[in-house]
Protein backbone atom coordinates (compact mmCIF):
# COMPACT_ATOMS: atom_id res chain seq x y z
CA MET A 1 159.80 130.43 96.07
CA ARG A 2 157.34 133.04 94.74
CA LYS A 3 156.11 130.66 92.07
CA SER A 4 155.45 127.90 94.56
CA LEU A 5 153.72 130.33 96.97
CA PHE A 6 151.58 131.65 94.08
CA LEU A 7 150.76 128.07 93.06
CA ILE A 8 149.71 127.12 96.62
CA ILE A 9 147.54 130.23 96.98
CA SER A 10 145.96 129.59 93.58
CA ILE A 11 145.12 126.01 94.53
CA ILE A 12 143.60 127.14 97.86
CA VAL A 13 141.47 129.79 96.11
CA ILE A 14 140.27 127.34 93.45
CA VAL A 15 139.42 124.65 95.99
CA SER A 16 137.72 127.07 98.40
CA CYS A 17 135.58 128.64 95.66
CA SER A 18 134.03 125.38 94.53
CA GLU A 19 130.54 124.91 95.94
CA TYR A 20 129.46 121.82 97.81
CA SER A 21 125.81 120.85 97.83
CA PRO A 22 124.82 117.83 99.85
CA LYS A 23 122.45 115.47 98.09
CA PRO A 24 118.95 115.35 99.52
CA GLN A 25 118.04 112.18 101.36
CA GLY A 26 116.67 109.67 98.90
CA TYR A 27 114.77 106.45 99.25
CA PRO A 28 115.67 103.19 97.56
CA ARG A 29 113.78 102.27 94.44
CA ILE A 30 111.32 99.44 94.97
CA GLU A 31 111.73 96.70 92.42
CA ARG A 32 109.55 93.72 93.08
CA ALA A 33 110.78 90.28 92.14
CA GLN A 34 108.63 88.14 89.88
CA PHE A 35 105.78 86.49 91.73
CA ARG A 36 102.78 84.31 90.99
CA GLU A 37 99.28 84.37 92.39
CA VAL A 38 98.60 81.90 95.23
CA LEU A 39 95.15 80.82 96.38
CA PHE A 40 94.36 81.03 100.08
CA ASP A 41 91.56 78.55 100.68
CA HIS A 42 89.65 78.68 103.96
CA SER A 43 86.40 76.93 104.88
CA TYR A 44 84.49 80.26 104.76
CA PHE A 45 86.20 82.05 101.86
CA SER A 46 89.11 82.05 99.41
CA PHE A 47 91.21 84.77 97.77
CA SER A 48 94.40 85.24 95.75
CA TYR A 49 97.57 86.81 97.08
CA PRO A 50 101.15 87.17 95.71
CA SER A 51 103.74 84.46 96.33
CA ASP A 52 106.15 86.96 97.94
CA ALA A 53 103.70 87.25 100.86
CA ASN A 54 102.81 84.72 103.58
CA VAL A 55 99.41 84.08 105.12
CA GLU A 56 99.49 83.11 108.78
CA GLU A 57 96.57 82.26 111.06
CA VAL A 58 96.53 84.00 114.45
CA LYS A 59 95.54 81.09 116.68
CA ASP A 60 95.82 82.65 120.12
CA LYS A 61 93.52 85.65 119.50
CA GLN A 62 90.29 84.23 118.15
CA PRO A 63 87.66 86.24 120.08
CA THR A 64 84.78 83.90 119.27
CA GLN A 65 84.52 80.37 117.99
CA ASN A 66 83.59 81.37 114.43
CA ASP A 67 85.80 84.46 113.99
CA PHE A 68 88.98 83.86 112.03
CA TRP A 69 91.99 86.14 112.39
CA PHE A 70 94.90 85.94 109.96
CA ASN A 71 97.76 88.08 108.68
CA VAL A 72 99.11 88.58 105.17
CA GLN A 73 102.79 89.28 105.82
CA TYR A 74 105.27 90.96 103.46
CA PRO A 75 108.74 90.29 104.91
CA ALA A 76 110.51 92.22 102.13
CA TYR A 77 108.58 95.40 102.98
CA ASN A 78 108.20 94.98 106.76
CA ALA A 79 104.45 95.20 106.26
CA THR A 80 101.45 93.17 107.40
CA ILE A 81 97.78 93.21 106.46
CA TYR A 82 95.91 92.26 109.64
CA CYS A 83 92.63 90.58 108.70
CA THR A 84 89.55 89.44 110.61
CA TYR A 85 86.74 87.33 109.23
CA ILE A 86 83.49 87.70 111.17
CA PRO A 87 80.38 85.66 110.40
CA PHE A 88 77.39 87.70 111.52
CA ALA A 89 73.72 87.24 112.28
CA LYS A 90 70.80 89.31 111.10
CA GLY A 91 70.88 92.75 112.69
CA GLU A 92 74.69 92.91 113.17
CA PHE A 93 75.60 94.12 109.67
CA ASN A 94 75.19 97.86 110.24
CA GLN A 95 77.33 97.73 113.40
CA LEU A 96 80.18 95.98 111.53
CA VAL A 97 80.11 98.59 108.73
CA ASP A 98 79.99 101.43 111.29
CA ASP A 99 82.93 99.94 113.21
CA SER A 100 84.99 99.77 110.01
CA TYR A 101 84.11 103.36 109.14
CA HIS A 102 85.06 104.59 112.63
CA LEU A 103 88.33 102.62 112.61
CA ALA A 104 89.34 104.29 109.35
CA TYR A 105 88.22 107.77 110.34
CA SER A 106 89.83 107.57 113.77
CA HIS A 107 92.96 108.75 111.91
CA ALA A 108 91.24 111.89 110.56
CA ALA A 109 92.94 114.22 113.06
CA ILE A 110 96.43 113.34 111.80
CA ALA A 111 95.67 112.23 108.24
CA ALA A 112 96.28 114.52 105.27
CA GLY A 113 93.15 113.05 103.70
CA ILE A 114 90.96 109.95 103.58
CA SER A 115 89.50 108.55 100.39
CA GLN A 116 86.93 105.80 99.94
CA THR A 117 86.76 103.43 96.99
CA THR A 118 83.61 101.32 96.76
CA TYR A 119 83.85 97.76 95.46
CA ARG A 120 80.87 95.83 94.09
CA ASP A 121 80.76 92.34 92.56
CA SER A 122 77.08 91.42 92.43
CA ILE A 123 77.73 88.16 90.57
CA ASN A 124 79.81 86.76 93.47
CA HIS A 125 77.99 88.77 96.17
CA VAL A 126 81.12 90.63 97.31
CA TYR A 127 80.75 94.28 98.30
CA GLY A 128 83.10 96.54 100.18
CA VAL A 129 85.04 99.73 100.69
CA MET A 130 88.77 100.50 100.63
CA TYR A 131 89.90 103.48 102.71
CA GLY A 132 93.09 105.25 101.59
CA ILE A 133 94.49 107.20 104.54
CA GLU A 134 97.15 109.72 103.51
CA GLY A 135 99.90 111.20 105.66
CA SER A 136 101.96 109.91 108.57
CA VAL A 137 99.43 107.43 109.91
CA ALA A 138 99.81 103.97 111.38
CA THR A 139 97.64 102.30 108.75
CA PRO A 140 97.57 103.81 105.24
CA ILE A 141 94.99 101.33 103.87
CA GLN A 142 91.96 99.73 105.49
CA PHE A 143 89.16 97.80 103.82
CA TYR A 144 86.19 95.57 104.39
CA LEU A 145 84.31 93.06 102.25
CA THR A 146 80.91 91.54 102.87
CA ASP A 147 78.00 89.72 101.25
CA SER A 148 75.61 91.84 103.37
CA ILE A 149 73.99 88.67 104.74
CA SER A 150 76.37 86.60 106.87
CA ASN A 151 80.05 87.18 105.91
CA PHE A 152 82.30 90.11 106.82
CA LEU A 153 86.08 90.46 106.26
CA ARG A 154 88.04 93.46 107.52
CA GLY A 155 91.71 94.28 106.86
CA SER A 156 94.26 96.95 107.82
CA LEU A 157 97.75 97.49 106.42
CA TYR A 158 100.44 98.27 108.99
CA PHE A 159 104.21 98.61 108.77
CA ASP A 160 106.36 96.80 111.33
CA ARG A 161 108.35 99.91 112.20
CA GLU A 162 107.80 103.66 112.27
CA VAL A 163 108.07 105.07 108.78
CA LYS A 164 107.71 108.37 106.96
CA ALA A 165 104.83 108.75 104.54
CA ASP A 166 107.22 109.78 101.73
CA SER A 167 109.41 106.73 102.15
CA ILE A 168 106.58 104.18 102.10
CA SER A 169 104.50 105.74 99.34
CA PRO A 170 105.83 103.41 96.60
CA ILE A 171 105.28 100.37 98.84
CA VAL A 172 101.77 101.51 99.76
CA GLN A 173 100.90 101.82 96.05
CA LEU A 174 102.31 98.35 95.39
CA LEU A 175 100.39 96.79 98.30
CA LYS A 176 97.23 98.67 97.32
CA LYS A 177 97.29 96.68 94.06
CA ASP A 178 97.62 93.46 96.07
CA ILE A 179 94.68 94.44 98.29
CA THR A 180 92.66 95.22 95.16
CA THR A 181 93.51 91.73 93.85
CA LEU A 182 92.45 90.22 97.18
CA MET A 183 89.14 92.09 97.01
CA GLU A 184 88.49 91.14 93.38
CA SER A 185 89.36 87.47 93.89
CA LEU A 186 87.47 86.93 97.17
CA ARG A 187 84.80 84.22 97.02
CA TRP A 188 82.49 83.26 99.88
CA LYS A 189 82.09 79.53 100.52
CA ASN A 190 79.00 79.69 102.74
CA ASN A 191 77.17 82.42 100.85
CA ASN A 192 73.47 81.80 100.90
CA SER A 193 72.18 83.91 98.03
CA SER A 194 68.74 82.37 98.37
CA LYS A 195 68.23 84.66 101.39
CA ARG A 196 68.40 87.69 99.13
C-alpha cells in the first residue's frame, strides 16, 4: 500500500513540475505554385501579370467614356489590385499626380511609415511611383504610372478581409514583386512621343 501511494505521489509531483509553454500563434508559410507570365492587352496599354492572377474589367463603374477600370485578382491570397486607367488632357497631369499622392498619404495617421520608390523607363515613356505603406492599413501598396502626356494608370492593393500586418507581410512582399513586373512591362499603345 505504501509503495503504491509513494508511486502515485511521485507521478503527481513529476507531472505537476513539468512546464507547459503554449506555442506563439504562427502564420502559414506562403509557397507559390509555379506560374508563367501572361500578357494583358488593352487598346490603350499592355502589361504582364502572373498566371495565378485574373484580370477582370469593371464594366458598371466606368466614370467617363474613356476611363478604364479593372482589377487584378489573386484568389489564393484574397487580394485584389484595383486599377484605373485615365487618359488625360493637357493641364490635368499635375492634378492626377497630386490625387495619387494624397490617396497614399491619407493613411499617414495610422501607417507605421510610407516609402516612395520612383520608376523611370525613358525608352518606353513610362514613369511612376510605388508607395509602400507599412502597418495595419487597408492598402499596403499603391502606385501610378504615366507617360506625362496623355496616359495615367493608378493601382491600389487591397485584401478582401481584415488582416494583421504581420500575417500579410510575406504576401505583400510577393505581390510587390508582381506590381514591379507590371510597372516594368507596361507599354502605352497610344503614346505620342512626338509631343515631347
